Amino acid sequence: MPGTALVRTERLFKQYETDAGPVPVLKDVNLEILPGEFVAVMGPSGSGKSTFMNILGCLDLATSGRYVLDGRDVATLDRNQLARLRNEVIGFVFQGYNLLPRANLADNVALPLIYAGVGRDRRNAMARELLERMGLAKFERYAPNQISGGQQQRVAIARALVNSPRLILADEPTGNLDSATSHEIMKLFVELNGKNGITIVLVTHEADIAAYAKRLVRFVDGRVTHDGSVAQGLPQEARA
């Protein structure tokens, strides 16, 4: 495909050292993700998909191989440079929402802007604007435990968007939600991808959630066993 990759991994290998010896988790992973793609990542527990996402998010480093994010080889960056790259390029959405329980919704959304050095008035204005976009403006002074799980995930998505990221990494974003709310959240991701052109990489165990993506990457035992059509990459029983 034409274009410059936003994400590129070359012969990526990751192993963890344990008392019983080294445990390989990722083995020779070669992938390119272009700007504007919507990629679902699937695989059984222990397949390496979460480790892969942590490396994509600059939260972990590969043992060997190369990871280039937005044209920058992450292995050449120090801790501060990695943190700055994360804050500039990536928005994170997690299964557990990861909202600060004692902060109101507006302050939760604005949190990445503090690290970016944005002033208080501008932070507050940007947070309010995104909460309004998510249909949550009237709740901006609420605590996270005062709203539903689906609303909390919308707050988490607003927080992921506040720095205008080029890439959203979503790790099981519907895992704690009921079916109807899950599909509402996925339609929001489709809109962010289609209308705003944000690249999305999403880990899921659920075939109906993966079906919203345009491309499926499947991991088994640390290796990519499928990269392409979502429908063809799903288990046979899910396609029936």
Protein backbone atom coordinates (compact mmCIF):
# COMPACT_ATOMS: atom_id res chain seq x y z
CA MET A 1 0.00 0.00 0.00
CA PRO A 2 1.24 3.54 -0.74
CA GLY A 3 2.15 5.96 2.02
CA THR A 4 4.54 6.14 4.95
CA ALA A 5 3.82 3.82 7.87
CA LEU A 6 2.83 5.40 11.17
CA VAL A 7 3.82 2.16 12.91
CA ARG A 8 6.50 -0.22 11.67
CA THR A 9 8.02 -3.20 13.41
CA GLU A 10 10.93 -5.16 11.94
CA ARG A 11 11.85 -8.63 13.23
CA LEU A 12 10.48 -7.67 16.63
CA PHE A 13 11.40 -10.12 19.39
CA LYS A 14 10.55 -9.91 23.07
CA GLN A 15 11.42 -12.26 25.89
CA TYR A 16 11.13 -12.06 29.67
CA GLU A 17 13.72 -13.43 32.05
CA THR A 18 12.36 -15.74 34.75
CA ASP A 19 13.90 -18.02 37.36
CA ALA A 20 13.18 -20.92 35.03
CA GLY A 21 14.97 -19.19 32.16
CA PRO A 22 14.01 -16.86 29.29
CA VAL A 23 10.39 -16.90 28.10
CA PRO A 24 9.90 -15.69 24.51
CA VAL A 25 6.67 -13.72 24.07
CA LEU A 26 7.02 -12.13 20.61
CA LYS A 27 8.84 -13.82 17.74
CA ASP A 28 9.85 -12.12 14.50
CA VAL A 29 6.91 -9.70 14.27
CA ASN A 30 6.98 -7.62 11.07
CA LEU A 31 4.09 -5.19 10.63
CA GLU A 32 3.30 -1.86 9.05
CA ILE A 33 0.25 0.22 9.98
CA LEU A 34 -0.49 3.19 7.76
CA PRO A 35 -2.10 6.47 8.84
CA GLY A 36 -5.89 6.14 8.89
CA GLU A 37 -6.04 2.37 9.32
CA PHE A 38 -8.35 0.64 11.80
CA VAL A 39 -6.70 -2.59 12.97
CA ALA A 40 -8.10 -5.20 15.35
CA VAL A 41 -5.59 -7.39 17.19
CA MET A 42 -6.79 -10.81 18.37
CA GLY A 43 -5.30 -13.96 19.84
CA PRO A 44 -5.69 -16.33 22.78
CA SER A 45 -4.40 -15.46 26.24
CA GLY A 46 -0.60 -15.63 26.25
CA SER A 47 -0.33 -15.11 22.49
CA GLY A 48 1.69 -11.89 22.87
CA LYS A 49 -0.91 -9.35 21.81
CA SER A 50 -0.81 -7.35 25.06
CA THR A 51 2.99 -7.27 25.00
CA PHE A 52 2.81 -6.11 21.39
CA MET A 53 0.44 -3.29 22.36
CA ASN A 54 2.71 -2.24 25.24
CA ILE A 55 5.62 -1.97 22.82
CA LEU A 56 3.50 0.02 20.34
CA GLY A 57 2.59 2.37 23.19
CA CYS A 58 6.25 2.83 24.20
CA LEU A 59 5.40 1.32 27.59
CA ASP A 60 7.83 -1.56 27.03
CA LEU A 61 10.86 -2.13 24.82
CA ALA A 62 11.58 -5.03 22.49
CA THR A 63 14.47 -7.36 23.31
CA SER A 64 15.62 -7.10 19.70
CA GLY A 65 14.35 -5.88 16.37
CA ARG A 66 13.21 -2.38 15.47
CA TYR A 67 10.12 -0.32 16.22
CA VAL A 68 9.61 2.93 14.32
CA LEU A 69 6.75 5.20 15.44
CA ASP A 70 5.89 8.25 13.37
CA GLY A 71 9.30 8.08 11.72
CA ARG A 72 11.28 7.75 14.97
CA ASP A 73 13.17 4.64 16.06
CA VAL A 74 12.09 4.31 19.68
CA ALA A 75 15.28 2.46 20.66
CA THR A 76 17.23 5.68 20.06
CA LEU A 77 15.11 7.76 22.47
CA ASP A 78 15.71 8.32 26.17
CA ARG A 79 12.96 8.11 28.79
CA ASN A 80 11.94 11.77 28.49
CA GLN A 81 11.88 11.61 24.69
CA LEU A 82 9.74 8.45 24.84
CA ALA A 83 7.30 10.14 27.22
CA ARG A 84 7.08 13.15 24.93
CA LEU A 85 6.52 10.95 21.87
CA ARG A 86 3.74 9.06 23.68
CA ASN A 87 2.05 12.29 24.71
CA GLU A 88 2.27 13.81 21.24
CA VAL A 89 1.32 10.86 19.07
CA ILE A 90 -0.68 8.30 21.09
CA GLY A 91 -3.98 8.27 22.93
CA PHE A 92 -4.66 5.29 25.22
CA VAL A 93 -8.01 3.67 26.01
CA PHE A 94 -8.09 0.82 28.53
CA GLN A 95 -10.60 -1.82 29.56
CA GLY A 96 -10.73 -0.48 33.12
CA TYR A 97 -11.06 3.18 32.02
CA ASN A 98 -8.14 4.20 34.32
CA LEU A 99 -9.85 7.39 35.45
CA LEU A 100 -8.65 9.16 38.59
CA PRO A 101 -11.41 8.46 41.15
CA ARG A 102 -10.98 11.70 43.12
CA ALA A 103 -10.83 13.98 40.07
CA ASN A 104 -13.92 15.19 38.25
CA LEU A 105 -14.53 14.26 34.64
CA ALA A 106 -13.18 17.52 33.21
CA ASP A 107 -9.94 17.18 35.17
CA ASN A 108 -9.60 13.55 34.04
CA VAL A 109 -9.91 14.58 30.41
CA ALA A 110 -7.45 17.44 30.85
CA LEU A 111 -4.76 15.33 32.53
CA PRO A 112 -2.56 14.73 29.42
CA LEU A 113 -2.53 18.49 28.80
CA ILE A 114 -0.79 19.07 32.12
CA TYR A 115 2.13 16.93 30.92
CA ALA A 116 2.07 18.86 27.65
CA GLY A 117 2.45 22.16 29.51
CA VAL A 118 -0.93 23.61 28.49
CA GLY A 119 -2.27 26.39 30.76
CA ARG A 120 -5.24 25.81 33.07
CA ASP A 121 -7.79 27.93 31.17
CA ARG A 122 -6.95 26.29 27.87
CA ARG A 123 -6.99 22.83 29.48
CA ASN A 124 -10.42 23.42 30.93
CA ALA A 125 -11.81 24.72 27.65
CA MET A 126 -10.47 21.75 25.69
CA ALA A 127 -11.80 19.27 28.25
CA ARG A 128 -15.26 20.84 28.20
CA GLU A 129 -15.29 20.80 24.39
CA LEU A 130 -14.50 17.08 24.27
CA LEU A 131 -17.00 16.19 26.99
CA GLU A 132 -19.63 18.05 25.00
CA ARG A 133 -18.62 16.08 21.91
CA MET A 134 -19.12 12.86 23.91
CA GLY A 135 -22.54 14.02 25.13
CA LEU A 136 -21.30 14.39 28.70
CA ALA A 137 -21.00 18.17 29.14
CA LYS A 138 -23.55 18.30 31.95
CA PHE A 139 -21.49 15.80 33.96
CA GLU A 140 -18.15 17.63 33.81
CA ARG A 141 -18.02 18.16 37.60
CA TYR A 142 -19.11 14.61 38.42
CA ALA A 143 -16.74 12.00 39.82
CA PRO A 144 -16.23 8.86 37.72
CA ASN A 145 -18.22 6.69 40.14
CA GLN A 146 -21.27 8.89 39.58
CA ILE A 147 -21.71 7.85 35.95
CA SER A 148 -22.17 4.55 34.11
CA GLY A 149 -19.42 2.32 32.71
CA GLY A 150 -20.23 3.34 29.15
CA GLN A 151 -20.06 7.01 30.12
CA GLN A 152 -16.74 6.42 31.89
CA GLN A 153 -15.34 4.87 28.71
CA ARG A 154 -16.48 7.93 26.75
CA VAL A 155 -14.58 10.08 29.25
CA ALA A 156 -11.53 7.85 28.71
CA ILE A 157 -11.88 8.30 24.94
CA ALA A 158 -12.17 12.08 25.41
CA ARG A 159 -8.96 11.98 27.46
CA ALA A 160 -7.27 9.98 24.69
CA LEU A 161 -8.32 12.61 22.13
CA VAL A 162 -7.41 15.74 24.06
CA ASN A 163 -3.86 15.92 22.66
CA SER A 164 -5.08 15.36 19.07
CA PRO A 165 -3.23 12.04 18.72
CA ARG A 166 -2.50 10.42 15.39
CA LEU A 167 -2.85 6.95 16.92
CA ILE A 168 -5.29 5.48 19.45
CA LEU A 169 -4.31 2.25 21.19
CA ALA A 170 -7.38 0.60 22.72
CA ASP A 171 -6.87 -2.47 24.93
CA GLU A 172 -10.16 -4.40 25.33
CA PRO A 173 -12.11 -1.11 25.46
CA THR A 174 -15.48 -2.90 25.57
CA GLY A 175 -14.43 -5.65 27.99
CA ASN A 176 -16.35 -4.22 30.96
CA LEU A 177 -19.42 -3.10 29.01
CA ASP A 178 -22.73 -4.70 28.10
CA SER A 179 -23.42 -5.59 24.48
CA ALA A 180 -25.46 -2.50 23.56
CA THR A 181 -22.97 -0.08 25.14
CA SER A 182 -20.07 -1.96 23.51
CA HIS A 183 -21.52 -1.34 20.08
CA GLU A 184 -22.11 2.34 20.88
CA ILE A 185 -18.44 2.68 21.81
CA MET A 186 -17.35 0.87 18.65
CA LYS A 187 -19.47 3.16 16.48
CA LEU A 188 -17.65 6.06 18.13
CA PHE A 189 -14.29 4.50 17.18
CA VAL A 190 -15.54 4.05 13.60
CA GLU A 191 -16.48 7.73 13.51
CA LEU A 192 -13.12 8.82 14.91
CA ASN A 193 -11.37 6.70 12.30
CA GLY A 194 -13.59 7.58 9.35
CA LYS A 195 -14.33 11.26 9.93
CA ASN A 196 -11.20 12.30 11.81
CA GLY A 197 -8.70 9.94 10.16
CA ILE A 198 -7.28 8.75 13.47
CA THR A 199 -5.37 5.48 13.24
CA ILE A 200 -6.82 2.91 15.64
CA VAL A 201 -5.26 -0.31 16.91
CA LEU A 202 -7.66 -2.25 19.11
CA VAL A 203 -7.18 -5.48 21.08
CA THR A 204 -10.29 -7.60 21.54
CA HIS A 205 -11.33 -11.18 22.26
CA GLU A 206 -14.72 -10.68 20.62
CA ALA A 207 -15.38 -11.38 16.95
CA ASP A 208 -18.32 -8.95 16.74
CA ILE A 209 -16.08 -6.15 18.07
CA ALA A 210 -13.23 -7.03 15.68
CA ALA A 211 -15.73 -6.86 12.81
CA TYR A 212 -15.81 -3.05 13.13
CA ALA A 213 -12.14 -2.88 12.06
CA LYS A 214 -10.86 -2.82 8.49
CA ARG A 215 -7.93 -5.17 9.12
CA LEU A 216 -7.23 -8.03 11.50
CA VAL A 217 -3.88 -9.05 12.95
CA ARG A 218 -4.00 -12.37 14.78
CA PHE A 219 -1.32 -13.63 17.17
CA VAL A 220 -0.69 -17.24 18.17
CA ASP A 221 2.30 -18.19 20.34
CA GLY A 222 4.00 -14.84 19.77
CA ARG A 223 3.80 -14.93 15.98
CA VAL A 224 1.47 -13.22 13.53
CA THR A 225 -0.62 -15.95 11.95
CA HIS A 226 -3.00 -13.70 10.03
CA ASP A 227 -2.74 -10.15 8.72
CA GLY A 228 -5.48 -9.02 6.39
CA SER A 229 -9.22 -9.55 6.03
CA VAL A 230 -11.19 -9.42 9.27
CA ALA A 231 -13.70 -12.05 8.16
CA GLN A 232 -11.06 -14.52 6.94
CA GLY A 233 -8.99 -14.11 10.09
CA LEU A 234 -11.74 -14.97 12.54
CA PRO A 235 -12.08 -18.48 13.96
CA GLN A 236 -14.23 -20.81 11.88
CA GLU A 237 -16.98 -20.92 14.51
CA ALA A 238 -17.17 -17.11 14.58
CA ARG A 239 -17.70 -17.04 10.82
CA ALA A 240 -20.50 -19.61 10.89
